[in-house]
Amino acid sequence: MSVGESACAYAALILHDDGIGITAEKISALVKAANVDVESYWPSLYARFAEKRDVGDLLLNACSGGGGAPVAAVAPTAGGGGGSSAAAPPPEEKKEEPKEESDDDMGFSLFD
């Protein structure tokens, strides 16, 4: 990300935090006040993006990851009989936590 992009992104965040509408003119004014030179298209690009997306929602979901929870698919049974068509979920794997070694296991103690 270039300095101009970062400056416009920070300006948009400042405007959002102050509850001011995010426009290209206001982004440009903040960037100019910070003495940062940006390409002329960056402020309008960020303003158009802020019109389409809720900045607060983006901030709240920034670390939510890509997709949603995995969906379990139900496979048809081979027999086609009158049994239940829903398969039981696979059992969860239990991970053993490594046991901490004590000084007794090594045959000596720190204070012997």
Protein backbone atom coordinates (compact mmCIF):
# COMPACT_ATOMS: atom_id res chain seq x y z
CA MET A 1 0.00 0.00 0.00
CA SER A 2 1.44 3.37 -0.97
CA VAL A 3 1.62 6.43 1.26
CA GLY A 4 -1.24 8.03 -0.66
CA GLU A 5 -3.48 4.99 -0.21
CA SER A 6 -2.69 4.82 3.48
CA ALA A 7 -3.35 8.54 3.95
CA CYS A 8 -6.75 8.25 2.26
CA ALA A 9 -7.65 5.18 4.28
CA TYR A 10 -6.71 6.91 7.54
CA ALA A 11 -8.60 10.04 6.50
CA ALA A 12 -11.72 7.95 5.81
CA LEU A 13 -11.35 6.28 9.23
CA ILE A 14 -10.97 9.67 10.92
CA LEU A 15 -14.10 10.98 9.21
CA HIS A 16 -16.03 7.85 10.19
CA ASP A 17 -14.83 8.06 13.79
CA ASP A 18 -15.98 11.70 14.03
CA GLY A 19 -19.36 10.85 12.52
CA ILE A 20 -18.74 13.01 9.46
CA GLY A 21 -19.84 11.89 6.01
CA ILE A 22 -16.99 10.47 3.97
CA THR A 23 -16.60 12.48 0.76
CA ALA A 24 -13.72 12.98 -1.64
CA GLU A 25 -13.47 16.66 -0.70
CA LYS A 26 -13.20 15.91 3.02
CA ILE A 27 -10.64 13.16 2.45
CA SER A 28 -8.62 15.54 0.27
CA ALA A 29 -8.79 18.26 2.92
CA LEU A 30 -7.50 15.92 5.63
CA VAL A 31 -4.72 14.58 3.42
CA LYS A 32 -3.71 18.10 2.42
CA ALA A 33 -3.68 19.18 6.10
CA ALA A 34 -1.29 16.30 6.81
CA ASN A 35 1.03 17.51 3.99
CA VAL A 36 0.77 14.23 2.11
CA ASP A 37 0.77 14.21 -1.68
CA VAL A 38 -1.68 11.70 -3.18
CA GLU A 39 -2.80 10.89 -6.67
CA SER A 40 -5.99 12.79 -7.52
CA TYR A 41 -8.10 9.64 -7.92
CA TRP A 42 -7.49 8.12 -4.46
CA PRO A 43 -9.85 10.37 -2.43
CA SER A 44 -12.75 9.83 -4.82
CA LEU A 45 -12.06 6.08 -4.95
CA TYR A 46 -12.18 5.79 -1.16
CA ALA A 47 -15.28 8.01 -0.97
CA ARG A 48 -17.11 5.83 -3.51
CA PHE A 49 -16.13 2.73 -1.58
CA ALA A 50 -17.43 4.26 1.66
CA GLU A 51 -20.76 5.01 -0.06
CA LYS A 52 -21.23 1.36 -1.00
CA ARG A 53 -20.00 -0.26 2.22
CA ASP A 54 -20.60 0.58 5.87
CA VAL A 55 -17.19 1.44 7.33
CA GLY A 56 -18.30 0.50 10.86
CA ASP A 57 -19.38 -2.92 9.63
CA LEU A 58 -16.02 -3.38 7.88
CA LEU A 59 -14.19 -2.53 11.09
CA LEU A 60 -16.27 -4.91 13.17
CA ASN A 61 -15.81 -7.79 10.72
CA ALA A 62 -12.20 -7.15 9.77
CA CYS A 63 -10.92 -10.31 11.45
CA SER A 64 -13.90 -12.55 10.94
CA GLY A 65 -12.19 -14.63 8.27
CA GLY A 66 -13.20 -15.60 4.77
CA GLY A 67 -16.09 -17.99 4.63
CA GLY A 68 -18.71 -18.99 7.07
CA ALA A 69 -19.01 -22.15 9.10
CA PRO A 70 -18.73 -25.38 7.13
CA VAL A 71 -22.03 -26.87 6.06
CA ALA A 72 -22.54 -30.58 6.59
CA ALA A 73 -23.85 -32.29 3.46
CA VAL A 74 -26.14 -35.27 3.80
CA ALA A 75 -25.15 -38.12 1.51
CA PRO A 76 -27.85 -40.51 0.26
CA THR A 77 -27.73 -43.96 1.81
CA ALA A 78 -26.56 -46.85 -0.31
CA GLY A 79 -29.40 -49.18 0.66
CA GLY A 80 -32.14 -46.67 -0.09
CA GLY A 81 -34.16 -48.32 2.67
CA GLY A 82 -36.41 -46.70 5.20
CA GLY A 83 -33.58 -45.77 7.53
CA SER A 84 -32.66 -42.29 8.55
CA SER A 85 -31.08 -40.30 5.74
CA ALA A 86 -29.10 -38.04 8.08
CA ALA A 87 -25.61 -39.26 8.83
CA ALA A 88 -24.21 -38.96 12.32
CA PRO A 89 -21.50 -36.32 12.66
CA PRO A 90 -17.96 -37.68 12.95
CA PRO A 91 -16.62 -37.90 16.50
CA GLU A 92 -14.43 -35.03 17.61
CA GLU A 93 -10.75 -35.73 17.93
CA LYS A 94 -9.38 -35.28 21.40
CA LYS A 95 -5.94 -33.76 21.51
CA GLU A 96 -3.70 -34.74 24.36
CA GLU A 97 -1.99 -31.85 26.01
CA PRO A 98 1.73 -32.38 26.51
CA LYS A 99 2.59 -33.05 30.12
CA GLU A 100 4.96 -30.66 31.75
CA GLU A 101 8.19 -32.22 32.89
CA SER A 102 9.13 -31.75 36.49
CA ASP A 103 12.57 -31.74 38.05
CA ASP A 104 11.80 -35.13 39.62
CA ASP A 105 11.68 -36.71 36.16
CA MET A 106 15.24 -35.61 35.45
CA GLY A 107 16.71 -37.04 38.61
CA PHE A 108 17.83 -33.75 40.10
CA SER A 109 16.38 -30.60 41.58
CA LEU A 110 17.44 -27.03 41.26
CA PHE A 111 17.93 -26.71 45.02
CA ASP A 112 19.76 -29.98 45.78
